[in-house]
Amino acid sequence: MNNQTAIVIDAFSSGNQLAPILSAQNVQTIHVFSMEEASQALMATYNKNDFAKEYTYLGDVDALMEQIHSDYPTIQAVFVGTETAIILADIIASKLKLPGNNPLSSTTRINKYEMIETLRIAQVPVTEQIKTENIDEIIAWQKDNRFSKIVVKPLESAGSDCVFACNEKEEVCHAFEEIMGQKNQMGGLNSYVLAQDYLDGEEYYVNAVSCRGEHFICEIWRYHKRSLNGRDFVYDYNEYVSLDESDTVSQLCQYMYRVLDALHFSYGPSHAEIKMTSNGLRLVEIGARLQGMAAFGVNSKTMGFTPAELAVDSYLFPDSFLSKTKNAKHKNIFARRVFLTSYVSGKLKHIHYSSEIENLESCIYLRWIKSLGDKLKPTVDYFSIPAIVVLAHEKIEQIEQDYKFIREFEKSLFETESESE
């Protein structure tokens, strides 16, 4: 048996990239489910064959580790697959005295309210907010602060799950009812609702990897969202931002460093959403994980390695992490990460497709998230996106042309039937 063994917890979404990378480094990988029953959306991204064995956490960490150690006495690293794994990964790594983030501050890296308040104490500029179980408190808070527009969302989740922009009292009430007491896309129950002052300006996401408390910015992308199918923050596409010496890039990087330090990121990947508002930079939220379904093909083109590869280095091969980040040279390129849209609902019966998207000159990646037989609904968040396309090219005109083709082509792409048929 290979003595090099690593744990990946909840290897969903981009977390499914970790096991193949570990395998290539001759590290065998075992999997831990942090919950007894993951959602269908999460399980659709899980690759069972990547793992030597599977375990399920049932609430007792010591019992879980006793079970694992009876099969694998030596564990070298514990990796976060997705949002649901963060707290458990911190606890296990700490118990095993392995590289990881401090479990005493785990909630500040997963709870959207706690992370903002921790940054406020550290004097990092942040938005105003309130968390509550009572709709009247949100309404009074908005009125007292004279906020014309607020954002209402779950305290813990991901992928724009039930995120609403609200102006009027009726909109706030509707958002509250959609969130409070409901199960979120991460499998948890929304026992609180978070309301924040609406942040104006352009939104970016910044992906980084940390090792021994040192941070490396891997990439910056600009969000483009739109109002669609009755929701306000539906993913349209992400636009790659060249890591040049521009003032915008410099500001985003410096702000990101402050956020990572204040929230005690020591090891592994991070994915932050940051808005450049009229009052300066403000964090929307951050996750101690890889970005969901990241455009790793662009990373390979621009710097020769991916955040997932660097994350493996941060825990297991710190010398390699240092070498890669010290010698990284970012190549300029135009790229978009385009989220296909569904306008129909029902059981997916047919996809009218014959490689038209993959034949586009700038297409470097296409991933189907929905398969025949899956339930399809109009796209309103990350979890209802049917497919993702990554476009990359030396000419922005080619990117724009191919993007317009996709938006027209997708209108008649999916055919559904009622689930009773």
Protein backbone atom coordinates (compact mmCIF):
# COMPACT_ATOMS: atom_id res chain seq x y z
CA MET A 1 0.00 0.00 0.00
CA ASN A 2 1.26 3.44 -0.89
CA ASN A 3 2.28 5.25 2.30
CA GLN A 4 1.37 8.62 0.76
CA THR A 5 -2.34 9.13 1.40
CA ALA A 6 -4.50 12.24 1.31
CA ILE A 7 -8.11 12.91 2.22
CA VAL A 8 -10.42 14.95 0.01
CA ILE A 9 -13.67 15.98 1.70
CA ASP A 10 -16.68 16.57 -0.56
CA ALA A 11 -14.91 16.34 -3.92
CA PHE A 12 -17.68 18.18 -5.73
CA SER A 13 -17.53 20.92 -8.35
CA SER A 14 -13.90 21.95 -8.98
CA GLY A 15 -12.90 19.82 -6.01
CA ASN A 16 -13.13 16.86 -8.37
CA GLN A 17 -9.85 18.06 -9.92
CA LEU A 18 -7.81 17.32 -6.79
CA ALA A 19 -7.73 13.51 -6.81
CA PRO A 20 -6.33 13.19 -10.38
CA ILE A 21 -3.60 15.73 -9.53
CA LEU A 22 -2.74 13.82 -6.35
CA SER A 23 -2.70 10.54 -8.26
CA ALA A 24 -0.23 12.02 -10.76
CA GLN A 25 2.01 12.80 -7.77
CA ASN A 26 1.74 9.15 -6.57
CA VAL A 27 -0.46 10.11 -3.65
CA GLN A 28 -3.45 7.81 -3.22
CA THR A 29 -6.67 9.54 -2.27
CA ILE A 30 -9.57 8.59 -0.05
CA HIS A 31 -12.87 10.46 0.08
CA VAL A 32 -14.98 11.66 2.97
CA PHE A 33 -18.58 12.82 2.60
CA SER A 34 -19.28 15.52 5.20
CA MET A 35 -22.98 14.67 5.07
CA GLU A 36 -25.03 11.50 4.72
CA GLU A 37 -26.91 12.71 1.67
CA ALA A 38 -25.47 15.30 -0.73
CA SER A 39 -27.72 17.09 -3.20
CA GLN A 40 -28.15 15.78 -6.73
CA ALA A 41 -26.46 18.93 -8.09
CA LEU A 42 -23.35 18.21 -6.03
CA MET A 43 -23.27 14.45 -6.68
CA ALA A 44 -23.47 15.07 -10.43
CA THR A 45 -19.89 16.41 -10.24
CA TYR A 46 -18.46 13.61 -8.08
CA ASN A 47 -16.14 11.00 -9.62
CA LYS A 48 -16.26 7.88 -7.45
CA ASN A 49 -13.55 6.05 -9.41
CA ASP A 50 -10.93 8.63 -8.41
CA PHE A 51 -10.81 7.32 -4.84
CA ALA A 52 -9.38 4.23 -3.16
CA LYS A 53 -12.14 4.23 -0.54
CA GLU A 54 -15.08 6.31 0.67
CA TYR A 55 -16.13 7.26 4.20
CA THR A 56 -19.04 9.25 5.59
CA TYR A 57 -18.87 11.66 8.52
CA LEU A 58 -21.76 11.00 10.92
CA GLY A 59 -21.04 13.70 13.50
CA ASP A 60 -18.19 12.11 15.46
CA VAL A 61 -14.75 13.15 14.19
CA ASP A 62 -12.86 10.73 16.45
CA ALA A 63 -14.94 7.79 15.25
CA LEU A 64 -14.36 8.82 11.64
CA MET A 65 -10.60 9.07 12.12
CA GLU A 66 -10.47 5.74 13.93
CA GLN A 67 -12.23 4.15 10.97
CA ILE A 68 -9.89 5.81 8.46
CA HIS A 69 -6.72 5.01 10.43
CA SER A 70 -7.61 1.33 10.61
CA ASP A 71 -7.24 1.30 6.81
CA TYR A 72 -4.74 4.12 6.28
CA PRO A 73 -2.47 4.70 9.30
CA THR A 74 -0.68 7.71 7.81
CA ILE A 75 -2.43 10.73 6.27
CA GLN A 76 -0.31 13.44 4.66
CA ALA A 77 -2.93 16.10 3.88
CA VAL A 78 -6.62 17.01 4.10
CA PHE A 79 -8.20 18.88 1.18
CA VAL A 80 -11.41 20.88 0.90
CA GLY A 81 -13.45 19.84 -2.12
CA THR A 82 -16.21 22.41 -1.82
CA GLU A 83 -17.93 24.78 0.64
CA THR A 84 -19.50 22.02 2.77
CA ALA A 85 -16.07 20.58 3.62
CA ILE A 86 -14.40 23.64 5.13
CA ILE A 87 -15.15 23.18 8.85
CA LEU A 88 -14.56 19.41 8.90
CA ALA A 89 -11.30 19.73 6.95
CA ASP A 90 -9.97 22.32 9.41
CA ILE A 91 -10.84 20.10 12.38
CA ILE A 92 -9.30 16.92 10.95
CA ALA A 93 -6.10 18.67 9.81
CA SER A 94 -5.73 20.19 13.28
CA LYS A 95 -6.25 16.86 15.03
CA LEU A 96 -3.66 15.22 12.79
CA LYS A 97 -1.29 18.20 13.18
CA LEU A 98 -1.19 18.64 9.40
CA PRO A 99 -0.98 21.89 7.41
CA GLY A 100 -4.35 23.61 7.42
CA ASN A 101 -6.36 26.60 8.56
CA ASN A 102 -7.16 27.21 12.23
CA PRO A 103 -10.48 25.51 13.17
CA LEU A 104 -11.10 28.21 15.78
CA SER A 105 -11.67 30.70 12.93
CA SER A 106 -13.42 28.35 10.48
CA THR A 107 -16.78 30.11 10.73
CA THR A 108 -15.24 33.38 9.55
CA ARG A 109 -14.35 31.62 6.30
CA ILE A 110 -17.81 30.14 5.67
CA ASN A 111 -20.43 32.25 7.44
CA LYS A 112 -21.11 35.35 5.36
CA TYR A 113 -22.06 37.45 8.38
CA GLU A 114 -19.08 36.41 10.50
CA MET A 115 -16.56 37.02 7.72
CA ILE A 116 -17.76 40.60 7.19
CA GLU A 117 -17.79 41.38 10.92
CA THR A 118 -14.30 39.92 11.36
CA LEU A 119 -13.03 42.15 8.56
CA ARG A 120 -14.75 45.16 10.13
CA ILE A 121 -12.89 44.53 13.40
CA ALA A 122 -9.64 44.27 11.41
CA GLN A 123 -10.47 47.68 9.86
CA VAL A 124 -10.86 46.27 6.35
CA PRO A 125 -13.58 48.30 4.56
CA VAL A 126 -16.83 46.30 4.33
CA THR A 127 -20.56 46.79 3.79
CA GLU A 128 -23.30 47.27 6.39
CA GLN A 129 -25.36 44.20 7.27
CA ILE A 130 -27.79 42.46 9.59
CA LYS A 131 -28.61 38.80 10.23
CA THR A 132 -31.95 37.86 11.70
CA GLU A 133 -34.83 35.39 11.95
CA ASN A 134 -37.35 38.23 11.84
CA ILE A 135 -38.51 39.95 8.66
CA ASP A 136 -39.58 43.06 10.62
CA GLU A 137 -35.99 43.61 11.75
CA ILE A 138 -34.77 43.72 8.15
CA ILE A 139 -37.49 46.15 7.13
CA ALA A 140 -36.76 48.42 10.11
CA TRP A 141 -33.00 48.20 9.48
CA GLN A 142 -33.41 49.21 5.83
CA LYS A 143 -35.66 52.12 6.77
CA ASP A 144 -33.50 53.36 9.66
CA ASN A 145 -30.36 53.34 7.49
CA ARG A 146 -32.17 54.83 4.47
CA PHE A 147 -30.87 52.11 2.17
CA SER A 148 -32.76 52.42 -1.12
CA LYS A 149 -31.61 48.96 -2.21
CA ILE A 150 -30.44 45.94 -0.22
CA VAL A 151 -29.33 42.38 -0.92
CA VAL A 152 -31.07 39.52 0.89
CA LYS A 153 -29.47 36.06 0.88
CA PRO A 154 -28.76 32.92 2.93
CA LEU A 155 -26.16 33.06 5.68
CA GLU A 156 -24.34 30.05 4.27
CA SER A 157 -24.49 28.78 0.69
CA ALA A 158 -22.84 29.33 -2.68
CA GLY A 159 -23.44 29.86 -6.39
CA SER A 160 -25.83 32.84 -6.07
CA ASP A 161 -28.29 30.51 -4.34
CA CYS A 162 -31.36 32.60 -3.43
CA VAL A 163 -29.65 35.99 -3.66
CA PHE A 164 -32.15 38.82 -4.14
CA ALA A 165 -31.77 42.55 -4.79
CA CYS A 166 -34.65 44.37 -3.11
CA ASN A 167 -35.94 47.92 -3.21
CA GLU A 168 -39.44 47.73 -1.82
CA LYS A 169 -40.86 46.12 1.32
CA GLU A 170 -42.79 43.57 -0.76
CA GLU A 171 -39.58 42.43 -2.45
CA VAL A 172 -37.83 42.03 0.90
CA CYS A 173 -40.73 39.96 2.24
CA HIS A 174 -40.69 37.72 -0.84
CA ALA A 175 -36.93 37.16 -0.55
CA PHE A 176 -37.22 36.38 3.16
CA GLU A 177 -39.91 33.76 2.52
CA GLU A 178 -37.81 32.15 -0.22
CA ILE A 179 -34.84 31.79 2.15
CA MET A 180 -35.93 31.42 5.78
CA GLY A 181 -36.40 27.81 6.87
CA GLN A 182 -35.57 26.44 3.43
CA LYS A 183 -32.83 23.97 2.56
CA ASN A 184 -29.97 25.65 0.70
CA GLN A 185 -27.92 24.21 -2.18
CA MET A 186 -25.15 23.15 0.23
CA GLY A 187 -27.59 20.86 2.06
CA GLY A 188 -28.01 23.04 5.16
CA LEU A 189 -31.14 24.65 6.58
CA ASN A 190 -31.42 28.44 6.41
CA SER A 191 -32.06 29.31 10.06
CA TYR A 192 -31.13 32.97 9.53
CA VAL A 193 -31.39 35.48 6.71
CA LEU A 194 -28.63 37.95 5.86
CA ALA A 195 -29.36 41.45 4.56
CA GLN A 196 -26.67 43.81 3.31
CA ASP A 197 -26.51 47.28 1.84
CA TYR A 198 -26.43 46.91 -1.94
CA LEU A 199 -22.96 47.44 -3.36
CA ASP A 200 -22.76 49.39 -6.60
CA GLY A 201 -19.95 49.13 -9.15
CA GLU A 202 -18.24 46.35 -11.07
CA GLU A 203 -17.82 42.94 -9.46
CA TYR A 204 -14.66 40.84 -9.74
CA TYR A 205 -13.57 37.51 -8.44
CA VAL A 206 -10.04 36.91 -7.26
CA ASN A 207 -8.62 33.40 -6.88
CA ALA A 208 -5.58 32.80 -4.71
CA VAL A 209 -3.68 29.97 -3.04
CA SER A 210 -1.90 30.31 0.31
CA CYS A 211 1.03 28.37 1.74
CA ARG A 212 2.45 28.94 5.22
CA GLY A 213 0.54 32.22 5.38
CA GLU A 214 1.97 33.56 2.10
CA HIS A 215 -0.57 34.33 -0.63
CA PHE A 216 -0.32 34.08 -4.41
CA ILE A 217 -2.96 35.67 -6.66
CA CYS A 218 -3.63 33.22 -9.48
CA GLU A 219 -6.21 35.13 -11.48
CA ILE A 220 -8.77 37.92 -11.59
CA TRP A 221 -12.02 37.81 -13.56
CA ARG A 222 -14.77 40.39 -13.98
CA TYR A 223 -18.34 39.20 -13.41
CA HIS A 224 -21.10 39.93 -15.86
CA LYS A 225 -24.51 39.10 -14.40
CA ARG A 226 -28.00 39.89 -15.63
CA SER A 227 -31.63 39.87 -14.58
CA LEU A 228 -33.21 36.75 -16.04
CA ASN A 229 -36.07 34.36 -15.32
CA GLY A 230 -37.25 36.47 -12.37
CA ARG A 231 -33.86 36.69 -10.59
CA ASP A 232 -31.41 39.58 -10.31
CA PHE A 233 -27.95 38.00 -10.24
CA VAL A 234 -27.98 35.32 -12.93
CA TYR A 235 -24.53 34.42 -14.27
CA ASP A 236 -23.96 35.65 -17.83
CA TYR A 237 -20.19 35.33 -18.28
CA ASN A 238 -16.88 36.01 -16.57
CA GLU A 239 -14.23 38.05 -18.35
CA TYR A 240 -10.53 37.36 -17.74
CA VAL A 241 -8.53 40.35 -16.44
CA SER A 242 -4.87 40.39 -17.34
CA LEU A 243 -2.62 40.52 -14.26
CA ASP A 244 -0.77 43.59 -15.44
CA GLU A 245 0.42 46.60 -13.49
CA SER A 246 -2.88 48.48 -13.80
CA ASP A 247 -4.28 50.39 -10.85
CA THR A 248 -7.39 48.17 -10.78
CA VAL A 249 -5.36 44.97 -10.53
CA SER A 250 -3.08 46.46 -7.88
CA GLN A 251 -6.02 47.60 -5.74
CA LEU A 252 -7.76 44.22 -5.99
CA CYS A 253 -4.60 42.32 -5.05
CA GLN A 254 -3.81 44.53 -2.06
CA TYR A 255 -7.38 44.32 -0.77
CA MET A 256 -7.36 40.53 -1.24
CA TYR A 257 -4.17 40.22 0.82
CA ARG A 258 -5.82 42.15 3.68
CA VAL A 259 -8.89 39.91 3.55
CA LEU A 260 -6.84 36.70 3.55
CA ASP A 261 -4.72 37.83 6.48
CA ALA A 262 -7.69 39.04 8.54
CA LEU A 263 -9.57 35.75 8.02
CA HIS A 264 -6.46 33.68 8.82
CA PHE A 265 -6.00 31.90 5.51
CA SER A 266 -2.77 29.93 5.92
CA TYR A 267 -3.06 27.06 3.45
CA GLY A 268 -4.99 26.17 0.33
CA PRO A 269 -7.19 27.92 -2.21
CA SER A 270 -9.51 30.89 -1.82
CA HIS A 271 -12.20 32.34 -4.06
CA ALA A 272 -13.32 35.92 -3.31
CA GLU A 273 -15.97 38.11 -4.86
CA ILE A 274 -15.10 41.79 -4.58
CA LYS A 275 -16.92 44.89 -5.76
CA MET A 276 -15.20 48.09 -6.82
CA THR A 277 -17.80 50.52 -5.49
CA SER A 278 -17.99 54.30 -5.56
CA ASN A 279 -16.73 54.18 -1.94
CA GLY A 280 -13.84 51.81 -2.63
CA LEU A 281 -13.37 48.04 -2.62
CA ARG A 282 -15.81 45.91 -0.65
CA LEU A 283 -15.89 42.14 -0.16
CA VAL A 284 -19.09 40.40 -1.22
CA GLU A 285 -17.93 37.06 0.20
CA ILE A 286 -15.03 34.62 0.18
CA GLY A 287 -14.71 30.84 0.25
CA ALA A 288 -11.80 28.72 1.49
CA ARG A 289 -11.99 26.51 -1.58
CA LEU A 290 -11.43 26.37 -5.30
CA GLN A 291 -13.82 28.37 -7.44
CA GLY A 292 -16.76 26.27 -8.59
CA MET A 293 -16.15 24.74 -12.03
CA ALA A 294 -13.17 26.99 -12.64
CA ALA A 295 -11.76 27.75 -16.09
CA PHE A 296 -8.56 25.80 -15.49
CA GLY A 297 -7.75 25.66 -19.20
CA VAL A 298 -7.18 29.41 -19.16
CA ASN A 299 -4.90 29.10 -16.11
CA SER A 300 -2.75 26.60 -18.00
CA LYS A 301 -2.48 28.99 -20.94
CA THR A 302 -1.73 32.10 -18.87
CA MET A 303 0.68 30.83 -16.21
CA GLY A 304 1.42 27.17 -16.93
CA PHE A 305 -0.32 25.69 -13.88
CA THR A 306 -3.75 25.76 -12.27
CA PRO A 307 -4.98 26.83 -8.81
CA ALA A 308 -5.88 23.18 -8.14
CA GLU A 309 -2.29 22.09 -8.86
CA LEU A 310 -0.96 24.91 -6.70
CA ALA A 311 -3.36 23.93 -3.90
CA VAL A 312 -1.88 20.42 -3.85
CA ASP A 313 1.59 21.96 -3.67
CA SER A 314 0.59 24.26 -0.80
CA TYR A 315 -0.17 21.31 1.49
CA LEU A 316 2.25 18.65 0.28
CA PHE A 317 5.04 20.26 -1.73
CA PRO A 318 5.77 23.76 -0.37
CA ASP A 319 9.10 23.98 -2.23
CA SER A 320 7.25 23.43 -5.51
CA PHE A 321 4.70 26.09 -4.47
CA LEU A 322 7.50 28.57 -3.87
CA SER A 323 9.23 27.76 -7.16
CA LYS A 324 6.05 28.06 -9.24
CA THR A 325 4.87 31.30 -7.69
CA LYS A 326 8.32 32.89 -7.76
CA ASN A 327 8.84 32.14 -11.45
CA ALA A 328 5.25 32.60 -12.66
CA LYS A 329 4.90 34.69 -15.82
CA HIS A 330 1.37 35.64 -16.78
CA LYS A 331 0.63 35.54 -20.50
CA ASN A 332 -1.94 38.03 -21.75
CA ILE A 333 -5.00 36.53 -23.40
CA PHE A 334 -8.69 37.31 -23.91
CA ALA A 335 -11.05 34.83 -22.31
CA ARG A 336 -14.65 34.40 -21.22
CA ARG A 337 -16.30 31.77 -19.10
CA VAL A 338 -19.82 31.61 -20.54
CA PHE A 339 -22.74 30.09 -18.63
CA LEU A 340 -25.34 28.52 -20.88
CA THR A 341 -28.94 29.36 -20.11
CA SER A 342 -32.06 27.25 -19.87
CA TYR A 343 -35.40 28.86 -20.58
CA VAL A 344 -37.45 25.67 -20.18
CA SER A 345 -38.39 23.29 -17.40
CA GLY A 346 -39.07 19.58 -17.18
CA LYS A 347 -37.20 16.34 -17.74
CA LEU A 348 -34.39 16.84 -20.27
CA LYS A 349 -35.45 14.81 -23.29
CA HIS A 350 -33.09 15.95 -26.04
CA ILE A 351 -30.13 18.30 -26.61
CA HIS A 352 -30.11 19.63 -30.16
CA TYR A 353 -26.35 19.62 -30.50
CA SER A 354 -23.77 18.42 -33.02
CA SER A 355 -20.50 20.00 -31.81
CA GLU A 356 -21.49 23.51 -32.93
CA ILE A 357 -20.05 25.15 -29.79
CA GLU A 358 -16.88 23.05 -29.70
CA ASN A 359 -16.25 23.96 -33.35
CA LEU A 360 -16.11 27.67 -32.52
CA GLU A 361 -12.63 29.06 -33.10
CA SER A 362 -12.18 30.33 -29.53
CA CYS A 363 -13.75 27.40 -27.65
CA ILE A 364 -11.24 25.54 -25.46
CA TYR A 365 -13.65 23.84 -23.05
CA LEU A 366 -17.26 22.70 -22.87
CA ARG A 367 -18.74 20.95 -19.86
CA TRP A 368 -22.28 19.65 -19.82
CA ILE A 369 -23.68 19.88 -16.31
CA LYS A 370 -27.13 18.56 -17.17
CA SER A 371 -27.60 15.19 -18.87
CA LEU A 372 -30.52 13.50 -20.57
CA GLY A 373 -33.09 12.53 -17.97
CA ASP A 374 -32.06 15.28 -15.54
CA LYS A 375 -34.55 17.81 -14.28
CA LEU A 376 -34.11 21.13 -16.06
CA LYS A 377 -35.51 24.48 -14.97
CA PRO A 378 -35.05 28.07 -16.12
CA THR A 379 -31.57 29.23 -15.10
CA VAL A 380 -31.59 31.45 -11.99
CA ASP A 381 -28.33 30.52 -10.21
CA TYR A 382 -25.17 28.43 -10.54
CA PHE A 383 -27.03 25.20 -9.77
CA SER A 384 -29.46 25.59 -12.67
CA ILE A 385 -26.78 26.26 -15.31
CA PRO A 386 -26.98 23.47 -17.94
CA ALA A 387 -23.43 23.85 -19.31
CA ILE A 388 -20.29 25.98 -19.16
CA VAL A 389 -18.17 27.09 -22.11
CA VAL A 390 -14.71 28.62 -21.90
CA LEU A 391 -13.60 30.84 -24.77
CA ALA A 392 -9.98 31.97 -25.15
CA HIS A 393 -8.31 33.74 -28.06
CA GLU A 394 -5.73 36.39 -28.95
CA LYS A 395 -8.45 38.59 -30.49
CA ILE A 396 -11.36 39.99 -28.50
CA GLU A 397 -13.43 40.26 -31.70
CA GLN A 398 -13.40 36.46 -32.04
CA ILE A 399 -14.50 36.04 -28.43
CA GLU A 400 -17.40 38.45 -28.94
CA GLN A 401 -18.50 36.77 -32.17
CA ASP A 402 -18.50 33.31 -30.61
CA TYR A 403 -20.27 34.54 -27.48
CA LYS A 404 -23.11 36.03 -29.56
CA PHE A 405 -23.43 32.75 -31.45
CA ILE A 406 -23.82 30.83 -28.16
CA ARG A 407 -26.51 33.14 -26.84
CA GLU A 408 -28.58 32.71 -29.99
CA PHE A 409 -27.87 29.00 -30.34
CA GLU A 410 -28.91 28.10 -26.78
CA LYS A 411 -32.47 29.39 -27.26
CA SER A 412 -33.48 26.18 -29.04
CA LEU A 413 -30.85 23.87 -27.55
CA PHE A 414 -32.85 21.99 -24.91
CA GLU A 415 -36.03 19.97 -25.32
CA THR A 416 -37.92 18.79 -22.26
CA GLU A 417 -40.95 16.74 -21.34
CA SER A 418 -43.08 16.79 -18.23
CA GLU A 419 -41.76 14.47 -15.53
CA SER A 420 -44.99 12.47 -15.64
CA GLU A 421 -44.51 11.53 -19.30
